């Protein structure tokens, strides 16, 4: 096991003073917004419910429909249920298992590298990680894609969802950074997504298979709601902000959308040292910094720049240079900036790998594989001189297989 020691400090890009890795204390505005978000919930009195006695479940065909349609498409086995919650507090095990099947199939289809790292986990951990991945995947699909989530009885015109998004907007500095109709629709969908999340911590259960499985996972591993709520908040942040002035600003965003993932995952993996939470936070920061650098071109095409403006300025780079795309490769400051950014990210990587000996041995392969894949992507970016514009930097199938074999041998069979 790794020795327990005092946390090291990491110098964020462009900052003079050092600080330990931890989430930045929220300001008054952020605290006000969080108070609004914490009020979101679902009760039997406020939502239409449907009975799930064994007879009715058979009649509706929810269990026997399966999760794969006749053309091989992913099918929500409860899509025909026109109610937000089940009426009984206890959900039959058969329905819970069907919900897990749905999440695992969704993960297999959409997770790519992640699913490969999940599939060697023990059954209980694998299915729970897939439920959590499905929760994160759909939130991201709502916020950043074309996916339209369904909440029976809910719409962007519903007074409750309108009040929620208007309160959040009033408390947020500036206008939304996305088109108004899109803002209204996506904020409303995430509002109802929070309602579904609330059922994982209340005496009612959502009829959405993702949240049926997630509730079982939450109860099995004692996962705190804050990390799940924070992830949705990070998705909402993208509607209100498309520039980050300092690394401290970016860190707060990375914590919400990525460190919270690490913090939830280690509860499922199992660990025996409280310091593991600090390293899980660093794990998330490292992976998100890698995503940010890899996806600079894609984000710029949507008028998003996650690279800290202050740090770009130190190398003579402006936001407009980033928006101009590949022409920035001729800027003499770009390659040094990328090298500096990677150096900072590597400090979080080094801390992330300290997490592995603290995890249950049967679960170490999964986070080790993810971290190694991301380390290899970052290495490729560095070798290409920071060229993330000509083509998307990714691993080939043979590279993934080779890395997976190395990681599997080291973290499943060898001492580390």
Protein backbone atom coordinates (compact mmCIF):
# COMPACT_ATOMS: atom_id res chain seq x y z
CA UNK A 1 0.00 0.00 0.00
CA UNK A 2 1.08 3.56 -0.59
CA UNK A 3 2.24 5.42 2.48
CA UNK A 4 -0.13 8.00 3.90
CA UNK A 5 1.49 11.43 3.87
CA UNK A 6 0.68 15.09 3.89
CA UNK A 7 -0.88 16.24 0.58
CA UNK A 8 1.60 17.75 -1.87
CA UNK A 9 0.83 21.02 -3.56
CA UNK A 10 0.39 21.68 -7.24
CA UNK A 11 1.00 25.05 -8.90
CA UNK A 12 -1.86 25.89 -11.25
CA UNK A 13 -0.80 27.39 -14.59
CA UNK A 14 -0.01 31.07 -14.37
CA UNK A 15 -0.45 31.40 -10.60
CA UNK A 16 2.31 32.61 -8.32
CA UNK A 17 1.28 30.91 -5.09
CA UNK A 18 0.91 27.21 -4.53
CA UNK A 19 -2.14 25.54 -3.02
CA UNK A 20 -3.25 22.02 -2.27
CA UNK A 21 -5.57 20.40 -4.77
CA UNK A 22 -9.13 21.09 -3.65
CA UNK A 23 -12.27 22.68 -4.95
CA UNK A 24 -12.24 26.46 -4.83
CA UNK A 25 -14.57 27.92 -2.20
CA UNK A 26 -17.78 29.12 -3.92
CA UNK A 27 -18.57 32.82 -3.99
CA UNK A 28 -21.88 34.35 -2.88
CA UNK A 29 -23.37 34.04 -6.36
CA UNK A 30 -22.48 30.34 -6.57
CA UNK A 31 -23.91 29.62 -3.14
CA UNK A 32 -27.18 31.29 -4.11
CA UNK A 33 -27.40 29.21 -7.28
CA UNK A 34 -26.71 26.01 -5.35
CA UNK A 35 -29.56 26.80 -2.94
CA UNK A 36 -31.93 26.95 -5.92
CA UNK A 37 -30.61 23.65 -7.29
CA UNK A 38 -30.99 21.87 -3.94
CA UNK A 39 -34.74 22.53 -3.87
CA UNK A 40 -35.39 20.31 -6.91
CA UNK A 41 -37.18 17.08 -6.05
CA UNK A 42 -40.09 14.75 -6.78
CA UNK A 43 -42.87 13.68 -4.42
CA UNK A 44 -45.82 11.31 -4.90
CA UNK A 45 -48.18 14.21 -4.39
CA UNK A 46 -46.63 16.20 -7.25
CA UNK A 47 -46.12 13.44 -9.82
CA UNK A 48 -48.22 10.90 -11.60
CA UNK A 49 -47.40 7.39 -10.43
CA UNK A 50 -47.96 3.91 -11.83
CA UNK A 51 -48.35 0.64 -9.93
CA UNK A 52 -45.69 -2.00 -10.41
CA UNK A 53 -47.37 -5.08 -9.02
CA UNK A 54 -46.12 -8.23 -10.70
CA UNK A 55 -49.40 -8.66 -12.60
CA UNK A 56 -49.29 -5.15 -14.10
CA UNK A 57 -45.60 -5.42 -14.94
CA UNK A 58 -46.35 -8.58 -16.93
CA UNK A 59 -49.39 -6.95 -18.56
CA UNK A 60 -47.32 -3.97 -19.69
CA UNK A 61 -44.54 -6.21 -20.95
CA UNK A 62 -41.82 -4.07 -19.38
CA UNK A 63 -39.70 -6.98 -18.22
CA UNK A 64 -40.07 -9.19 -21.26
CA UNK A 65 -39.50 -6.54 -23.89
CA UNK A 66 -35.76 -6.50 -23.30
CA UNK A 67 -33.41 -3.63 -24.11
CA UNK A 68 -32.50 -4.43 -27.74
CA UNK A 69 -35.06 -3.84 -30.48
CA UNK A 70 -35.71 -5.91 -33.63
CA UNK A 71 -33.21 -3.85 -35.64
CA UNK A 72 -30.54 -4.03 -32.96
CA UNK A 73 -31.36 -0.59 -31.52
CA UNK A 74 -31.22 0.22 -27.82
CA UNK A 75 -34.77 0.24 -26.41
CA UNK A 76 -36.00 1.73 -23.16
CA UNK A 77 -38.10 -1.14 -21.73
CA UNK A 78 -40.24 1.31 -19.76
CA UNK A 79 -40.76 3.93 -22.47
CA UNK A 80 -44.48 3.10 -22.65
CA UNK A 81 -44.98 4.02 -18.98
CA UNK A 82 -46.59 7.47 -18.99
CA UNK A 83 -45.80 8.33 -15.38
CA UNK A 84 -42.84 9.90 -13.62
CA UNK A 85 -42.57 7.42 -10.73
CA UNK A 86 -43.62 3.98 -9.58
CA UNK A 87 -46.15 4.09 -6.77
CA UNK A 88 -44.71 1.35 -4.55
CA UNK A 89 -41.60 2.13 -2.48
CA UNK A 90 -40.04 -1.26 -3.27
CA UNK A 91 -39.25 -1.98 -6.92
CA UNK A 92 -39.28 -5.68 -7.96
CA UNK A 93 -35.83 -7.13 -8.47
CA UNK A 94 -36.70 -8.17 -12.03
CA UNK A 95 -37.33 -4.54 -12.98
CA UNK A 96 -34.07 -3.43 -11.33
CA UNK A 97 -32.15 -6.08 -13.27
CA UNK A 98 -33.78 -4.98 -16.53
CA UNK A 99 -32.76 -1.40 -15.74
CA UNK A 100 -29.16 -2.50 -15.20
CA UNK A 101 -29.27 -4.41 -18.51
CA UNK A 102 -30.31 -1.18 -20.23
CA UNK A 103 -27.46 0.80 -18.64
CA UNK A 104 -24.88 -1.83 -19.49
CA UNK A 105 -25.99 -2.02 -23.11
CA UNK A 106 -25.95 1.79 -23.37
CA UNK A 107 -22.43 1.82 -21.94
CA UNK A 108 -21.23 -0.91 -24.28
CA UNK A 109 -22.50 1.05 -27.28
CA UNK A 110 -21.42 4.54 -26.29
CA UNK A 111 -18.54 4.37 -23.80
CA UNK A 112 -15.76 3.31 -26.16
CA UNK A 113 -12.52 3.12 -24.17
CA UNK A 114 -14.40 3.36 -20.89
CA UNK A 115 -16.43 0.20 -21.42
CA UNK A 116 -13.28 -1.77 -22.14
CA UNK A 117 -11.98 -0.74 -18.73
CA UNK A 118 -15.32 -1.49 -17.04
CA UNK A 119 -15.91 -4.98 -18.38
CA UNK A 120 -13.25 -6.67 -16.22
CA UNK A 121 -14.72 -5.39 -12.97
CA UNK A 122 -16.53 -7.81 -10.65
CA UNK A 123 -20.20 -8.10 -11.66
CA UNK A 124 -21.60 -5.87 -8.91
CA UNK A 125 -19.09 -3.08 -9.56
CA UNK A 126 -19.36 -3.40 -13.35
CA UNK A 127 -23.13 -3.02 -13.43
CA UNK A 128 -23.05 -0.15 -10.96
CA UNK A 129 -20.35 1.68 -12.90
CA UNK A 130 -22.45 1.23 -16.05
CA UNK A 131 -25.48 2.72 -14.27
CA UNK A 132 -23.39 5.70 -13.22
CA UNK A 133 -21.87 6.06 -16.69
CA UNK A 134 -25.36 6.03 -18.23
CA UNK A 135 -26.39 8.81 -15.84
CA UNK A 136 -23.39 10.95 -16.86
CA UNK A 137 -23.71 10.08 -20.55
CA UNK A 138 -27.33 11.17 -20.83
CA UNK A 139 -26.71 14.41 -18.91
CA UNK A 140 -23.90 15.23 -21.36
CA UNK A 141 -26.10 14.25 -24.31
CA UNK A 142 -28.76 16.69 -23.13
CA UNK A 143 -26.32 19.54 -22.50
CA UNK A 144 -23.98 19.08 -25.44
CA UNK A 145 -25.88 17.05 -28.01
CA UNK A 146 -29.24 16.48 -29.65
CA UNK A 147 -30.62 14.01 -27.12
CA UNK A 148 -34.07 14.94 -25.80
CA UNK A 149 -34.85 13.48 -22.41
CA UNK A 150 -38.40 12.59 -21.40
CA UNK A 151 -40.10 13.36 -18.11
CA UNK A 152 -43.83 12.52 -18.13
CA UNK A 153 -45.80 15.73 -17.63
CA UNK A 154 -42.74 17.97 -17.93
CA UNK A 155 -41.95 20.53 -20.61
CA UNK A 156 -40.01 23.75 -21.14
CA UNK A 157 -43.33 25.61 -20.87
CA UNK A 158 -44.19 24.14 -17.49
CA UNK A 159 -44.28 26.94 -14.86
CA UNK A 160 -42.06 24.96 -12.49
CA UNK A 161 -39.25 24.51 -15.01
CA UNK A 162 -39.63 28.10 -16.21
CA UNK A 163 -39.28 29.38 -12.66
CA UNK A 164 -36.17 27.24 -12.11
CA UNK A 165 -34.27 28.43 -15.17
CA UNK A 166 -35.32 32.06 -14.64
CA UNK A 167 -34.05 31.98 -11.05
CA UNK A 168 -30.74 30.44 -12.15
CA UNK A 169 -30.37 33.00 -14.94
CA UNK A 170 -31.03 35.92 -12.57
CA UNK A 171 -28.31 34.68 -10.25
CA UNK A 172 -25.79 34.13 -13.05
CA UNK A 173 -23.64 36.96 -14.36
CA UNK A 174 -24.33 37.87 -17.98
CA UNK A 175 -26.59 36.45 -20.66
CA UNK A 176 -26.64 32.73 -21.60
CA UNK A 177 -23.94 31.85 -24.12
CA UNK A 178 -26.26 29.61 -26.17
CA UNK A 179 -29.23 30.47 -28.35
CA UNK A 180 -32.32 31.32 -26.28
CA UNK A 181 -34.65 28.52 -27.39
CA UNK A 182 -31.88 25.97 -26.92
CA UNK A 183 -31.16 27.43 -23.47
CA UNK A 184 -34.80 27.14 -22.44
CA UNK A 185 -35.13 23.56 -23.69
CA UNK A 186 -31.86 22.23 -22.26
CA UNK A 187 -32.17 23.97 -18.90
CA UNK A 188 -35.67 22.56 -18.55
CA UNK A 189 -34.51 19.07 -19.44
CA UNK A 190 -31.70 19.24 -16.88
CA UNK A 191 -34.21 20.53 -14.32
CA UNK A 192 -36.30 17.39 -14.82
CA UNK A 193 -33.12 15.32 -14.88
CA UNK A 194 -32.45 16.66 -11.37
CA UNK A 195 -35.95 15.60 -10.42
CA UNK A 196 -35.16 12.08 -11.56
CA UNK A 197 -31.93 12.18 -9.57
CA UNK A 198 -33.85 13.20 -6.44
CA UNK A 199 -35.76 9.90 -6.60
CA UNK A 200 -32.51 8.04 -5.92
CA UNK A 201 -32.52 9.64 -2.45
CA UNK A 202 -36.26 9.66 -1.68
CA UNK A 203 -39.01 7.09 -1.06
CA UNK A 204 -40.16 7.20 -4.68
CA UNK A 205 -38.50 5.66 -7.75
CA UNK A 206 -38.24 7.07 -11.28
CA UNK A 207 -39.65 5.10 -14.20
CA UNK A 208 -36.46 5.88 -16.17
CA UNK A 209 -34.27 2.73 -16.27
CA UNK A 210 -31.11 4.77 -15.73
CA UNK A 211 -32.43 6.12 -12.44
CA UNK A 212 -33.89 2.79 -11.35
CA UNK A 213 -30.41 1.26 -11.62
CA UNK A 214 -28.73 4.38 -10.24
CA UNK A 215 -30.93 4.31 -7.14
CA UNK A 216 -29.91 0.72 -6.45
CA UNK A 217 -26.25 1.70 -6.93
CA UNK A 218 -26.60 4.72 -4.61
CA UNK A 219 -28.14 2.55 -1.91
CA UNK A 220 -25.62 -0.26 -2.33
CA UNK A 221 -22.51 1.94 -2.12
CA UNK A 222 -23.74 4.88 -0.04
CA UNK A 223 -22.99 7.50 -2.71
CA UNK A 224 -23.63 11.08 -1.64
CA UNK A 225 -25.99 13.14 -3.77
CA UNK A 226 -23.71 16.20 -3.87
CA UNK A 227 -21.30 14.64 -6.38
CA UNK A 228 -24.16 13.69 -8.71
CA UNK A 229 -25.83 17.09 -8.40
CA UNK A 230 -22.50 18.84 -9.01
CA UNK A 231 -22.05 16.98 -12.29
CA UNK A 232 -25.41 18.28 -13.58
CA UNK A 233 -24.41 21.76 -12.39
CA UNK A 234 -21.27 21.52 -14.51
CA UNK A 235 -23.44 20.79 -17.53
CA UNK A 236 -25.55 23.87 -16.76
CA UNK A 237 -22.39 25.95 -16.45
CA UNK A 238 -21.75 25.43 -20.17
CA UNK A 239 -24.92 27.41 -20.93
CA UNK A 240 -23.71 30.40 -18.94
CA UNK A 241 -20.00 30.49 -19.64
CA UNK A 242 -17.73 29.84 -22.63
CA UNK A 243 -14.49 31.46 -21.40
CA UNK A 244 -12.34 30.86 -18.30
CA UNK A 245 -10.07 33.70 -17.25
CA UNK A 246 -7.85 31.78 -14.83
CA UNK A 247 -6.85 28.23 -14.04
CA UNK A 248 -8.70 28.57 -10.74
CA UNK A 249 -11.91 29.24 -12.69
CA UNK A 250 -11.26 26.24 -14.91
CA UNK A 251 -10.45 24.03 -11.93
CA UNK A 252 -13.92 24.61 -10.47
CA UNK A 253 -15.51 23.55 -13.74
CA UNK A 254 -13.25 20.48 -14.06
CA UNK A 255 -14.11 19.50 -10.52
CA UNK A 256 -17.81 19.49 -11.28
CA UNK A 257 -17.74 17.60 -14.56
CA UNK A 258 -14.83 15.24 -13.89
CA UNK A 259 -13.53 15.10 -10.30
CA UNK A 260 -17.03 14.24 -9.12
CA UNK A 261 -16.84 11.24 -11.45
CA UNK A 262 -13.66 10.05 -9.75
CA UNK A 263 -15.19 10.56 -6.32
CA UNK A 264 -18.25 8.48 -7.20
CA UNK A 265 -16.24 5.75 -8.94
CA UNK A 266 -13.97 5.08 -5.97
CA UNK A 267 -17.04 4.49 -3.78
CA UNK A 268 -17.99 1.73 -6.20
CA UNK A 269 -14.43 0.42 -6.63
CA UNK A 270 -13.77 0.36 -2.88
CA UNK A 271 -10.81 1.94 -1.05
CA UNK A 272 -9.19 1.80 2.39
CA UNK A 273 -7.50 5.21 2.84
CA UNK A 274 -9.33 8.58 3.10
CA UNK A 275 -6.51 10.13 1.05
CA UNK A 276 -7.95 8.25 -1.92
CA UNK A 277 -10.57 10.99 -2.25
CA UNK A 278 -7.90 13.61 -2.85
CA UNK A 279 -6.25 11.47 -5.51
CA UNK A 280 -9.62 10.71 -7.12
CA UNK A 281 -10.16 14.46 -7.40
CA UNK A 282 -6.78 14.80 -9.15
CA UNK A 283 -7.67 11.85 -11.41
CA UNK A 284 -10.73 13.73 -12.65
CA UNK A 285 -8.80 16.96 -13.16
CA UNK A 286 -6.15 15.18 -15.23
CA UNK A 287 -8.66 13.47 -17.49
CA UNK A 288 -10.62 16.67 -18.06
CA UNK A 289 -7.48 18.69 -18.84
CA UNK A 290 -6.63 16.04 -21.42
CA UNK A 291 -10.11 16.31 -22.92
CA UNK A 292 -9.84 20.09 -23.04
CA UNK A 293 -6.52 20.09 -24.90
CA UNK A 294 -7.55 17.32 -27.28
CA UNK A 295 -10.87 19.02 -28.11
CA UNK A 296 -9.65 22.62 -28.56
CA UNK A 297 -10.68 22.71 -32.23
CA UNK A 298 -14.12 21.17 -31.66
CA UNK A 299 -14.85 23.51 -28.78
CA UNK A 300 -13.65 26.56 -30.70
CA UNK A 301 -16.05 25.67 -33.52
CA UNK A 302 -18.83 26.18 -30.94
CA UNK A 303 -17.27 29.40 -29.63
CA UNK A 304 -16.01 27.67 -26.49
CA UNK A 305 -12.51 28.16 -25.11
CA UNK A 306 -11.69 26.22 -21.95
CA UNK A 307 -7.98 27.07 -21.99
CA UNK A 308 -7.46 29.82 -19.37
CA UNK A 309 -7.30 33.24 -21.03
CA UNK A 310 -4.68 34.51 -18.57
CA UNK A 311 -2.39 31.58 -19.33
CA UNK A 312 -2.79 31.97 -23.08
CA UNK A 313 -1.85 35.66 -22.72
CA UNK A 314 1.43 34.73 -21.01
CA UNK A 315 2.43 33.07 -24.28
CA UNK A 316 1.15 35.85 -26.52
CA UNK A 317 -2.02 34.03 -27.54
CA UNK A 318 -5.48 35.61 -27.68
CA UNK A 319 -8.91 33.93 -27.67
CA UNK A 320 -9.28 35.06 -31.29
CA UNK A 321 -6.15 33.08 -32.18
CA UNK A 322 -7.82 29.93 -30.82
CA UNK A 323 -11.03 30.63 -32.73
CA UNK A 324 -9.02 30.96 -35.95
CA UNK A 325 -8.20 27.27 -35.73
CA UNK A 326 -5.15 25.65 -37.31
CA UNK A 327 -3.48 28.96 -38.11
CA UNK A 328 -2.45 29.15 -34.46
CA UNK A 329 0.12 26.42 -35.16
CA UNK A 330 2.32 29.13 -36.70
CA UNK A 331 2.10 31.23 -33.51
CA UNK A 332 5.49 30.90 -31.74
CA UNK A 333 3.74 30.78 -28.36
CA UNK A 334 1.43 27.85 -29.07
CA UNK A 335 3.88 24.95 -28.70
CA UNK A 336 5.42 26.34 -25.46
CA UNK A 337 1.91 26.91 -24.11
CA UNK A 338 0.94 23.33 -24.88
CA UNK A 339 4.11 22.02 -23.23
CA UNK A 340 3.40 24.12 -20.14
CA UNK A 341 -0.23 22.98 -20.04
CA UNK A 342 0.81 19.33 -20.33
CA UNK A 343 3.41 19.79 -17.59
CA UNK A 344 0.71 21.11 -15.28
CA UNK A 345 -1.66 18.29 -16.23
CA UNK A 346 1.08 15.74 -15.58
CA UNK A 347 1.28 16.85 -11.96
CA UNK A 348 -2.33 15.81 -11.56
CA UNK A 349 -1.59 12.58 -13.44
CA UNK A 350 1.19 11.73 -11.00
CA UNK A 351 -1.21 12.18 -8.10
CA UNK A 352 -3.93 10.22 -9.90
CA UNK A 353 -1.70 7.15 -10.17
CA UNK A 354 -1.15 7.28 -6.40
CA UNK A 355 -4.83 6.35 -6.10
CA UNK A 356 -4.42 2.89 -7.59
CA UNK A 357 -2.73 1.06 -4.66
CA UNK A 358 -5.50 2.37 -2.38
CA UNK A 359 -8.30 0.72 -4.35
CA UNK A 360 -9.63 -2.80 -3.98
CA UNK A 361 -7.29 -4.98 -6.06
CA UNK A 362 -10.09 -6.41 -8.20
CA UNK A 363 -11.08 -2.87 -9.25
CA UNK A 364 -7.69 -1.31 -9.99
CA UNK A 365 -7.60 -2.24 -13.66
CA UNK A 366 -10.52 0.00 -14.59
CA UNK A 367 -9.14 3.38 -13.42
CA UNK A 368 -5.59 2.34 -14.40
CA UNK A 369 -6.70 1.62 -17.95
CA UNK A 370 -8.55 4.93 -18.25
CA UNK A 371 -5.61 6.90 -16.88
CA UNK A 372 -3.17 5.09 -19.19
CA UNK A 373 -5.32 5.73 -22.26
CA UNK A 374 -5.46 9.43 -21.42
CA UNK A 375 -1.73 9.54 -20.67
CA UNK A 376 -1.08 8.11 -24.13
CA UNK A 377 -3.36 10.68 -25.79
CA UNK A 378 -1.51 13.49 -24.01
CA UNK A 379 1.81 12.00 -25.10
CA UNK A 380 0.62 11.99 -28.71
CA UNK A 381 -0.40 15.65 -28.50
CA UNK A 382 3.04 16.54 -27.20
CA UNK A 383 4.78 14.58 -29.97
CA UNK A 384 2.64 16.37 -32.56
CA UNK A 385 3.81 19.73 -31.22
CA UNK A 386 0.35 20.59 -29.97
CA UNK A 387 -1.35 20.03 -33.33
CA UNK A 388 -4.90 19.20 -32.23
CA UNK A 389 -6.35 20.90 -35.32
CA UNK A 390 -5.30 18.79 -38.32
CA UNK A 391 -7.05 15.67 -37.02
CA UNK A 392 -8.51 14.37 -33.79
CA UNK A 393 -5.83 12.85 -31.59
CA UNK A 394 -6.87 9.34 -30.59
CA UNK A 395 -5.54 5.84 -30.07
CA UNK A 396 -5.67 3.19 -32.76
CA UNK A 397 -7.26 -0.18 -32.05
CA UNK A 398 -3.85 -1.86 -31.87
CA UNK A 399 -2.60 0.79 -29.44
CA UNK A 400 -5.62 0.27 -27.21
CA UNK A 401 -5.12 -3.50 -27.20
CA UNK A 402 -1.42 -3.17 -26.37
CA UNK A 403 -2.07 -0.70 -23.57
CA UNK A 404 -4.93 -2.76 -22.19
CA UNK A 405 -2.75 -5.87 -22.06
CA UNK A 406 0.03 -4.02 -20.26
CA UNK A 407 -2.31 -2.46 -17.75
CA UNK A 408 -4.22 -5.70 -17.15
CA UNK A 409 -1.03 -7.60 -16.42
CA UNK A 410 0.38 -4.93 -14.14
CA UNK A 411 -2.67 -4.04 -12.12
CA UNK A 412 -4.43 -7.39 -11.91
CA UNK A 413 -1.51 -9.74 -11.42
CA UNK A 414 1.64 -7.85 -10.47
CA UNK A 415 2.49 -5.95 -7.32
CA UNK A 416 2.51 -2.17 -7.80
